[in-house]
Protein backbone atom coordinates (compact mmCIF):
# COMPACT_ATOMS: atom_id res chain seq x y z
CA MET A 1 198.86 -31.35 154.15
CA SER A 2 196.65 -30.71 156.97
CA SER A 3 193.59 -32.27 158.29
CA ARG A 4 194.96 -34.63 160.78
CA PRO A 5 193.15 -34.66 164.15
CA GLN A 6 195.62 -32.13 165.60
CA PRO A 7 196.73 -29.60 164.63
CA SER A 8 194.33 -30.02 161.70
CA ARG A 9 192.62 -32.58 159.57
CA ARG A 10 193.70 -31.81 156.07
CA LEU A 11 196.67 -32.73 153.98
CA PHE A 12 198.56 -29.68 152.87
CA LEU A 13 202.00 -28.40 152.12
CA GLY A 14 201.85 -25.12 150.24
CA MET A 15 203.61 -24.19 147.09
CA ALA A 16 205.20 -21.10 145.66
CA ALA A 17 205.46 -19.70 142.18
CA ALA A 18 208.44 -18.15 140.46
CA THR A 19 209.03 -14.45 140.55
CA PRO A 20 209.22 -13.40 136.90
CA LEU A 21 212.51 -12.42 135.38
CA ALA A 22 210.82 -9.37 133.95
CA MET A 23 210.46 -8.10 137.51
CA THR A 24 213.66 -9.32 139.12
CA GLY A 25 216.33 -10.06 136.53
CA SER A 26 217.75 -13.50 137.35
CA LEU A 27 215.82 -13.85 140.59
CA GLY A 28 213.71 -16.98 140.94
CA LEU A 29 211.20 -17.32 143.75
CA GLY A 30 209.87 -20.72 144.73
CA ALA A 31 209.77 -22.32 141.33
CA GLY A 32 212.47 -22.57 138.72
CA THR A 33 213.40 -19.94 136.19
CA ALA A 34 210.36 -18.10 134.85
CA HIS A 35 210.14 -16.74 131.34
CA ALA A 36 210.72 -13.01 131.08
CA ALA A 37 207.61 -12.95 128.87
CA ASP A 38 205.32 -14.37 131.57
CA SER A 39 202.13 -12.34 131.73
CA ALA A 40 199.54 -14.64 133.31
CA TYR A 41 199.14 -17.24 136.04
CA ALA A 42 198.18 -20.90 136.39
CA MET A 43 196.70 -22.39 139.54
CA CYS A 44 196.66 -26.10 140.37
CA TYR A 45 194.42 -27.62 143.04
CA PHE A 46 192.16 -30.52 143.92
CA THR A 47 188.47 -30.22 144.87
CA GLU A 48 186.33 -31.09 147.86
CA SER A 49 182.70 -30.21 148.54
CA THR A 50 181.28 -29.63 152.00
CA SER A 51 179.74 -33.11 152.07
CA LEU A 52 182.67 -34.78 150.25
CA GLY A 53 180.07 -35.71 147.62
CA ALA A 54 179.44 -34.02 144.28
CA GLY A 55 182.24 -31.60 143.51
CA THR A 56 184.91 -33.69 145.25
CA ASP A 57 187.72 -34.94 143.03
CA TYR A 58 191.27 -35.96 143.89
CA GLY A 59 192.75 -35.36 140.45
CA LEU A 60 194.81 -32.48 139.06
CA HIS A 61 192.75 -29.36 138.35
CA LEU A 62 193.98 -26.18 136.67
CA ALA A 63 192.69 -22.63 136.41
CA VAL A 64 194.17 -19.58 134.69
CA SER A 65 194.13 -15.87 135.42
CA THR A 66 195.53 -12.61 134.08
CA ASP A 67 195.50 -10.85 137.47
CA ALA A 68 196.20 -13.72 139.94
CA LEU A 69 193.00 -12.84 141.79
CA ASN A 70 190.07 -14.02 139.66
CA TRP A 71 190.29 -17.43 138.05
CA THR A 72 188.91 -19.33 135.06
CA PRO A 73 188.75 -23.07 135.79
CA LEU A 74 189.76 -25.27 132.87
CA ASN A 75 187.95 -28.37 131.61
CA GLN A 76 184.69 -27.28 133.30
CA ASN A 77 186.50 -27.60 136.66
CA ASN A 78 187.03 -31.30 135.99
CA PRO A 79 190.45 -32.95 136.47
CA LEU A 80 193.00 -32.88 133.66
CA VAL A 81 194.79 -36.01 134.85
CA THR A 82 194.43 -38.48 137.74
CA PRO A 83 197.07 -40.76 139.34
CA THR A 84 197.09 -44.41 138.26
CA ALA A 85 199.27 -45.80 141.08
CA GLY A 86 199.54 -45.58 144.84
CA ALA A 87 196.33 -44.33 146.44
CA LEU A 88 194.90 -43.53 142.96
CA GLY A 89 194.29 -39.95 144.00
CA LEU A 90 196.17 -36.78 144.88
CA ARG A 91 196.07 -33.85 147.23
CA ASP A 92 198.16 -30.69 147.37
CA PRO A 93 199.46 -30.49 143.79
CA PHE A 94 202.43 -28.24 143.07
CA LEU A 95 203.34 -26.78 139.68
CA LEU A 96 206.97 -25.91 138.92
CA ARG A 97 208.53 -24.42 135.82
CA LYS A 98 211.88 -26.15 135.51
CA GLN A 99 215.15 -24.62 134.38
CA ASN A 100 214.58 -25.75 130.77
CA GLY A 101 211.19 -23.98 130.60
CA SER A 102 209.02 -27.10 130.81
CA PHE A 103 206.87 -27.98 133.80
CA VAL A 104 206.75 -30.68 136.43
CA VAL A 105 203.76 -31.43 138.66
CA ILE A 106 204.18 -33.13 142.02
CA ALA A 107 201.48 -34.01 144.54
CA THR A 108 200.71 -35.92 147.71
CA ASP A 109 199.91 -39.60 147.20
CA LEU A 110 196.54 -39.72 148.97
CA LYS A 111 192.92 -40.00 147.89
CA GLY A 112 190.30 -38.66 150.25
CA THR A 113 190.76 -38.16 153.97
CA ASP A 114 192.25 -41.40 155.26
CA TRP A 115 194.99 -39.73 157.30
CA SER A 116 196.28 -43.11 158.47
CA TYR A 117 197.43 -43.86 154.91
CA ASN A 118 201.20 -43.41 154.85
CA SER A 119 203.02 -43.12 151.55
CA GLN A 120 206.76 -42.61 151.20
CA TYR A 121 206.11 -41.53 147.60
CA ILE A 122 204.77 -38.48 145.78
CA HIS A 123 203.10 -38.35 142.36
CA VAL A 124 205.04 -36.80 139.44
CA TRP A 125 204.12 -35.74 135.89
CA ASP A 126 206.10 -33.92 133.21
CA SER A 127 204.53 -31.40 130.85
CA ALA A 128 205.91 -29.23 128.07
CA ASP A 129 202.96 -26.82 128.05
CA LEU A 130 200.30 -28.02 130.56
CA ARG A 131 198.23 -29.21 127.61
CA THR A 132 199.54 -32.76 127.89
CA PHE A 133 201.01 -34.65 130.83
CA THR A 134 203.57 -37.41 130.33
CA GLY A 135 205.98 -39.64 132.19
CA TYR A 136 203.71 -40.33 135.16
CA ARG A 137 205.61 -41.92 138.02
CA ARG A 138 205.99 -41.90 141.78
CA LEU A 139 209.12 -40.54 143.44
CA LYS A 140 210.23 -42.21 146.69
CA LEU A 141 211.37 -39.73 149.33
CA HIS A 142 212.14 -41.80 152.45
CA ASP A 143 211.87 -45.19 154.18
CA MET A 144 210.10 -43.98 157.32
CA ALA A 145 206.74 -45.44 158.36
CA THR A 146 205.03 -42.11 157.86
CA HIS A 147 203.66 -39.79 155.19
CA SER A 148 205.07 -37.44 152.56
CA TRP A 149 202.55 -34.63 152.68
CA ALA A 150 202.17 -31.58 150.48
CA PRO A 151 205.35 -31.51 148.36
CA GLU A 152 206.80 -28.38 146.83
CA ALA A 153 209.96 -27.99 144.74
CA PHE A 154 212.32 -25.17 143.87
CA TRP A 155 215.67 -24.74 142.15
CA ASP A 156 218.62 -24.68 144.55
CA ALA A 157 221.25 -22.90 142.48
CA GLY A 158 224.00 -23.53 145.03
CA ARG A 159 223.57 -27.29 144.73
CA GLY A 160 222.64 -27.27 141.05
CA GLN A 161 219.59 -29.42 141.87
CA TYR A 162 215.93 -29.13 142.67
CA ALA A 163 214.92 -29.26 146.31
CA VAL A 164 211.71 -31.10 147.22
CA ILE A 165 210.25 -30.11 150.59
CA TYR A 166 207.33 -31.83 152.31
CA SER A 167 205.83 -32.58 155.73
CA SER A 168 206.73 -35.80 157.50
CA VAL A 169 207.05 -37.11 161.05
CA ASP A 170 210.67 -37.83 161.91
CA SER A 171 212.28 -39.15 165.11
CA SER A 172 211.07 -36.05 166.96
CA GLY A 173 207.54 -37.48 166.90
CA HIS A 174 205.96 -34.43 165.27
CA ASN A 175 205.67 -33.09 161.73
CA VAL A 176 208.71 -31.26 160.41
CA ILE A 177 209.58 -29.87 156.98
CA MET A 178 211.87 -32.35 155.21
CA VAL A 179 213.99 -31.79 152.11
CA ASN A 180 215.40 -34.08 149.40
CA HIS A 181 217.36 -33.07 146.31
CA THR A 182 216.89 -34.33 142.78
CA SER A 183 218.01 -33.51 139.25
CA ASP A 184 215.27 -35.37 137.41
CA PHE A 185 212.33 -36.09 139.77
CA VAL A 186 213.03 -39.78 139.16
CA THR A 187 215.43 -40.43 142.02
CA ALA A 188 216.15 -38.30 145.06
CA SER A 189 218.84 -37.95 147.70
CA ALA A 190 218.35 -39.09 151.28
CA PRO A 191 215.97 -36.86 153.26
CA GLN A 192 217.14 -34.19 155.68
CA VAL A 193 215.22 -32.07 158.17
CA LEU A 194 214.96 -28.60 156.65
CA PHE A 195 212.98 -26.99 159.48
CA ASP A 196 212.04 -28.25 162.95
CA PRO A 197 211.11 -25.49 165.40
CA GLY A 198 210.26 -28.07 168.07
CA TYR A 199 206.53 -28.24 167.39
CA ASP A 200 204.27 -29.58 164.64
CA VAL A 201 204.62 -27.73 161.31
CA ILE A 202 203.14 -28.59 157.93
CA ASP A 203 202.40 -26.97 154.57
CA GLY A 204 205.82 -25.56 153.75
CA ASN A 205 206.00 -22.92 151.03
CA MET A 206 209.17 -21.22 149.77
CA ALA A 207 210.08 -17.84 148.33
CA VAL A 208 213.74 -18.10 147.32
CA GLY A 209 216.32 -15.36 146.84
CA VAL A 210 214.35 -12.26 147.82
CA ASN A 211 217.03 -9.60 148.32
CA GLY A 212 219.39 -12.35 149.40
CA VAL A 213 216.94 -13.94 151.83
CA ASN A 214 214.97 -17.19 151.54
CA TYR A 215 211.53 -17.31 153.14
CA LEU A 216 209.66 -20.39 154.38
CA PHE A 217 205.93 -20.13 155.07
CA PHE A 218 204.11 -22.89 156.95
CA LYS A 219 201.13 -23.79 159.09
CA LYS A 220 201.67 -23.45 162.84
CA ASN A 221 198.55 -24.45 164.78
CA GLN A 222 195.81 -22.44 163.03
CA THR A 223 198.12 -19.72 161.71
CA ILE A 224 200.35 -19.13 158.69
CA ALA A 225 203.79 -18.40 160.13
CA ALA A 226 207.12 -17.61 158.48
CA ALA A 227 210.84 -18.31 158.89
CA ARG A 228 213.84 -17.02 156.96
CA SER A 229 217.46 -17.78 156.20
CA THR A 230 220.23 -16.34 154.07
CA SER A 231 221.02 -19.91 152.95
CA LEU A 232 219.03 -22.96 152.00
CA ASP A 233 220.89 -25.18 154.43
CA PRO A 234 218.85 -27.58 156.58
CA GLY A 235 218.41 -26.17 160.08
CA SER A 236 219.22 -22.59 159.10
CA PHE A 237 215.71 -21.10 159.13
CA THR A 238 214.54 -18.90 162.02
CA GLU A 239 210.91 -17.98 162.67
CA PHE A 240 209.93 -14.29 162.54
CA GLY A 241 206.85 -12.08 162.31
CA ALA A 242 203.38 -12.38 163.80
CA GLY A 243 201.76 -14.61 161.18
CA VAL A 244 198.25 -14.37 159.70
CA SER A 245 195.07 -16.37 160.10
CA HIS A 246 191.38 -16.35 159.32
CA GLY A 247 189.87 -18.98 161.54
CA GLY A 248 191.72 -22.26 160.99
CA THR A 249 194.11 -21.31 158.17
CA GLU A 250 196.53 -23.53 156.26
CA ALA A 251 198.16 -24.24 152.89
CA PRO A 252 200.02 -20.97 152.22
CA THR A 253 200.96 -19.99 148.68
CA VAL A 254 203.13 -16.88 148.35
CA PHE A 255 204.01 -15.30 145.01
CA ARG A 256 204.82 -11.94 143.49
CA SER A 257 202.62 -9.95 141.12
CA LEU A 258 203.80 -9.71 137.53
CA THR A 259 202.82 -6.05 137.32
CA SER A 260 203.77 -4.48 140.66
CA ASN A 261 205.96 -4.89 143.71
CA THR A 262 203.14 -6.70 145.47
CA TRP A 263 203.34 -10.07 147.14
CA TYR A 264 200.22 -12.17 147.56
CA LEU A 265 199.61 -14.79 150.21
CA TRP A 266 196.80 -17.23 149.55
CA ALA A 267 195.68 -19.73 152.19
CA ASP A 268 192.55 -21.71 152.92
CA THR A 269 190.62 -23.17 155.80
CA TYR A 270 191.04 -26.80 156.76
CA THR A 271 187.44 -27.89 156.47
CA PRO A 272 186.29 -29.73 153.33
CA ASN A 273 185.46 -27.23 150.60
CA GLY A 274 187.43 -24.61 152.53
CA VAL A 275 187.37 -20.95 151.63
CA PHE A 276 190.50 -19.21 150.34
CA TYR A 277 191.62 -15.96 151.92
CA ALA A 278 194.22 -13.60 150.50
CA TRP A 279 196.63 -11.03 151.91
CA ARG A 280 199.12 -8.63 150.33
CA SER A 281 202.51 -7.19 151.25
CA THR A 282 205.11 -5.01 149.59
CA ASP A 283 207.92 -6.20 151.87
CA LEU A 284 208.41 -9.84 152.86
CA ALA A 285 211.09 -8.82 155.35
CA SER A 286 208.54 -6.87 157.38
CA GLY A 287 206.59 -10.03 158.20
CA THR A 288 203.33 -8.07 157.96
CA TRP A 289 200.38 -8.73 155.66
CA THR A 290 197.17 -6.84 154.88
CA ALA A 291 193.98 -8.79 154.22
CA LEU A 292 192.45 -8.23 150.79
CA ASP A 293 188.80 -7.31 150.35
CA GLN A 294 186.97 -10.44 149.21
CA ARG A 295 185.49 -8.38 146.39
CA THR A 296 188.90 -8.44 144.72
CA TYR A 297 189.42 -12.19 144.41
CA THR A 298 187.45 -15.35 143.65
CA GLN A 299 188.68 -18.91 144.02
CA PRO A 300 187.72 -21.74 141.65
CA VAL A 301 184.66 -23.53 142.99
CA ASN A 302 185.45 -26.29 145.54
CA SER A 303 189.19 -25.67 145.15
CA LYS A 304 191.56 -26.81 147.90
CA HIS A 305 195.26 -26.21 148.59
CA CYS A 306 196.17 -24.18 145.55
CA GLY A 307 199.56 -23.55 144.02
CA ILE A 308 200.25 -20.69 141.62
CA ALA A 309 202.90 -20.33 138.91
CA THR A 310 203.45 -17.76 136.16
CA ILE A 311 202.90 -18.57 132.47
CA THR A 312 203.28 -16.80 129.14
CA ALA A 313 200.47 -15.25 127.13
CA ALA A 314 200.85 -18.05 124.57
CA GLU A 315 200.57 -20.68 127.30
CA TYR A 316 197.51 -18.94 128.73
CA THR A 317 195.82 -18.87 125.31
CA GLY A 318 196.86 -22.45 124.60
CA LEU A 319 195.40 -23.70 127.87
CA LEU A 320 192.04 -22.07 127.19
CA ALA A 321 192.06 -23.45 123.65
CA ARG A 322 192.93 -26.97 124.84
CA TRP A 323 190.72 -27.27 127.91
CA GLY A 324 188.04 -24.61 127.44
CA ALA A 325 186.49 -22.05 129.76
CA PRO A 326 183.44 -23.03 131.84
CA ALA A 327 180.04 -23.05 130.15
CA TRP A 328 178.59 -21.60 133.37
CA ASN A 329 179.08 -18.62 135.64
CA ARG A 330 178.68 -17.71 139.29
CA LEU A 331 177.40 -14.34 140.52
CA LYS A 332 179.09 -12.82 143.57
CA SER A 333 177.33 -10.23 145.70
CA TYR A 334 179.05 -6.82 145.77
CA ASN A 335 178.28 -5.87 149.36
CA TYR A 336 178.37 -9.44 150.70
CA PRO A 337 181.31 -10.81 148.70
CA ASP A 338 181.34 -14.10 150.62
CA ARG A 339 177.86 -14.79 149.17
CA TYR A 340 176.77 -16.02 145.74
CA VAL A 341 173.46 -16.10 143.90
CA ARG A 342 171.94 -19.55 144.25
CA HIS A 343 168.56 -21.25 144.35
CA ALA A 344 167.33 -23.04 147.48
CA ASN A 345 163.95 -24.75 147.35
CA TYR A 346 163.56 -22.90 144.05
CA ILE A 347 163.86 -19.52 145.77
CA ALA A 348 166.65 -17.21 144.56
CA ARG A 349 169.02 -16.08 147.32
CA VAL A 350 172.54 -14.90 148.06
CA ASP A 351 174.13 -17.38 150.46
CA THR A 352 177.55 -17.75 152.04
CA TYR A 353 179.95 -19.98 150.10
CA PRO A 354 180.50 -22.92 150.49
CA PHE A 355 177.19 -24.73 150.46
CA ASP A 356 175.69 -27.91 149.09
CA LEU A 357 174.80 -28.37 146.37
CA TYR A 358 177.49 -26.12 144.90
CA THR A 359 175.75 -26.43 141.50
CA ASP A 360 172.85 -24.40 142.94
CA ALA A 361 175.05 -21.36 142.28
CA GLN A 362 176.01 -22.20 138.68
CA TRP A 363 174.15 -20.46 135.88
CA LYS A 364 174.23 -20.43 132.11
CA LEU A 365 173.78 -16.86 130.94
CA VAL A 366 171.83 -17.44 127.72
CA PRO A 367 170.26 -14.96 125.28
CA GLY A 368 167.13 -13.47 126.83
CA LEU A 369 164.03 -15.59 126.25
CA ALA A 370 162.02 -12.48 125.35
CA ASP A 371 164.82 -10.43 123.79
CA GLY A 372 168.06 -11.91 122.51
CA SER A 373 169.93 -8.72 123.41
CA GLY A 374 169.12 -9.43 127.05
CA VAL A 375 170.06 -12.36 129.24
CA SER A 376 168.25 -15.18 130.98
CA PHE A 377 169.64 -17.28 133.82
CA GLN A 378 169.35 -21.00 133.15
CA SER A 379 170.03 -23.29 136.10
CA VAL A 380 172.88 -25.76 135.57
CA ASN A 381 171.46 -28.47 137.82
CA HIS A 382 167.83 -27.85 136.78
CA PRO A 383 168.26 -26.97 133.10
CA THR A 384 164.51 -26.77 132.37
CA ARG A 385 164.25 -23.98 134.94
CA TYR A 386 165.14 -20.29 134.75
CA LEU A 387 165.24 -17.41 137.19
CA ARG A 388 162.09 -15.34 136.77
CA HIS A 389 160.27 -12.75 138.86
CA TYR A 390 156.79 -13.44 140.22
CA ASP A 391 155.16 -10.75 142.38
CA TYR A 392 158.61 -9.11 142.18
CA ALA A 393 160.31 -12.05 143.93
CA LEU A 394 162.83 -14.15 141.99
CA ARG A 395 162.37 -17.89 141.86
CA LEU A 396 163.43 -20.84 139.73
CA ASP A 397 160.58 -22.02 137.51
CA VAL A 398 160.16 -24.37 134.57
CA ASN A 399 159.95 -22.52 131.26
CA ASP A 400 156.33 -22.98 130.21
CA GLY A 401 156.92 -21.43 126.79
CA THR A 402 154.61 -18.46 127.33
CA ALA A 403 155.41 -14.86 126.49
CA VAL A 404 154.73 -13.92 130.10
CA PHE A 405 157.36 -16.35 131.38
CA ALA A 406 159.85 -15.22 128.76
CA GLY A 407 159.39 -11.60 129.80
CA ASP A 408 159.66 -12.39 133.50
CA ALA A 409 162.89 -14.36 132.86
CA THR A 410 164.65 -11.76 130.73
CA PHE A 411 166.97 -9.04 132.02
CA HIS A 412 169.26 -6.46 130.48
CA ARG A 413 172.83 -6.46 131.77
CA THR A 414 174.17 -3.00 132.61
CA ALA A 415 177.28 -1.58 134.23
CA GLY A 416 177.15 -2.24 137.94
CA LEU A 417 175.16 0.41 139.77
CA ALA A 418 177.66 0.46 142.65
CA ASP A 419 180.79 -0.34 140.58
CA SER A 420 180.85 -0.07 136.81
CA SER A 421 183.38 -2.92 136.52
CA TRP A 422 180.73 -5.25 137.98
CA ALA A 423 177.21 -5.87 136.59
CA SER A 424 173.59 -5.08 137.35
CA PHE A 425 170.50 -6.61 135.72
CA ARG A 426 167.43 -4.57 134.75
CA SER A 427 164.09 -6.31 134.33
CA TYR A 428 162.88 -6.59 130.73
CA ASN A 429 159.17 -6.15 131.44
CA ASN A 430 159.56 -3.93 134.53
CA PRO A 431 162.35 -1.67 133.27
CA THR A 432 162.37 0.59 136.33
CA ARG A 433 163.36 -2.39 138.50
CA TYR A 434 166.65 -4.26 138.96
CA ILE A 435 167.59 -7.61 140.47
CA ARG A 436 168.72 -6.96 144.05
CA HIS A 437 168.91 -8.88 147.30
CA SER A 438 166.87 -7.91 150.34
CA ASN A 439 167.43 -9.91 153.53
CA HIS A 440 169.50 -12.18 151.26
CA VAL A 441 166.48 -13.02 149.05
CA LEU A 442 166.45 -11.85 145.42
CA ARG A 443 163.71 -9.69 143.96
CA ILE A 444 163.29 -6.89 141.42
CA ASP A 445 162.95 -3.42 142.92
CA PRO A 446 163.39 0.22 141.97
CA VAL A 447 166.89 1.29 142.98
CA SER A 448 167.76 4.74 144.30
CA THR A 449 169.83 4.63 147.50
CA SER A 450 173.50 3.71 147.87
CA THR A 451 172.58 0.54 149.74
CA GLU A 452 170.11 -0.49 147.05
CA ARG A 453 172.72 0.08 144.34
CA GLN A 454 175.13 -2.19 146.22
CA ASP A 455 172.38 -4.79 146.68
CA ALA A 456 171.84 -4.72 142.90
CA THR A 457 175.50 -5.16 141.90
CA PHE A 458 177.12 -8.55 141.14
CA ARG A 459 180.35 -9.89 139.76
CA VAL A 460 179.91 -12.34 136.89
CA GLY A 461 182.72 -14.87 137.17
CA HIS A 462 183.39 -18.55 137.70
């Protein structure tokens, strides 16, 4: 749970997902037993905007993915459920598939950024399929006059119970990783110190039973560090490796791909509306990670402190059927993948995410106003306005109903000029020209060079 004055000011304890049985036999990593049929992923998170205004919500959010890199937010990126006790809000949700195949969600009892609020409890929900959430309660973890930040849980086979780890300040005077054990997430054993390296650590995240080794990832200052142990005994973990960071980095989530021997590490920055960064490794024991190109992954808008678990194809389909995919899209720049198409003062640009208002970058891709086989870009937060070109520059104008406007606001989607798995957009009434950015401002231009093709290529996602 980070975001305290030092070492950070955000509440985060990471969470891990299970390694699928299809990949590892009986091996479970982080979460409980996964189904051998798991073929997709679910991400839980809460949301914060840069101004803590629109786009900030301390309820449980979910997104789904088939590749663990690009995500479809559910319920229009609105919360699925919100706590009704304690602080009446959550941070740092964690999603665990239990041994019986159902799910449990746990989360920090905190709404907003009042870091002086100390709760000895965490929020808990049960769910059979993530389509409904039942049995809401709070689980008490300790009697100390301090917090219970960023809980995660995993199955401890040796004890025959679930372990709940979290950040709390014990008698040492700094944050340590604590652990309690429970069989039902209703009552828990007395807390113990799982990991105390002698300095402040938060955001614990576990990968359990990897070739006989258990790995603990955590935030150390501004870096994601790691420790390991051949047991799960309190006090047995030893730090190793160099760690990774991207500015002020926190909230690690480590999980294994369902389709390859690849491990992913997701983490985010500790400012409101922080940006996720991702790394990959094929060997946790090496302690080394390689940063992923931002072209390859996209976080749900405004998402904070994510946790990722594996789900079945039926669960994936059921979640989309129950909660729905977004009615809007975002467009990521190919050669500036930290930037998204947005309007600012009604001028179309590609700007670095995050920004306010985040809805400036949300578009409804509707049938072309001049040709239904094409596409027009309707603004979400100014729904009477569409992107159109005027003197070859793109701007957001009110649809005046004329044929000229309709033609200016209509484009034909093609395979991406720089990458055919992405998209490019050819002007309807100037068919030799494509939407591209130049000095981060959008216009329609002829495209011939490699740079121009990259400028004219976008990823349509959420």
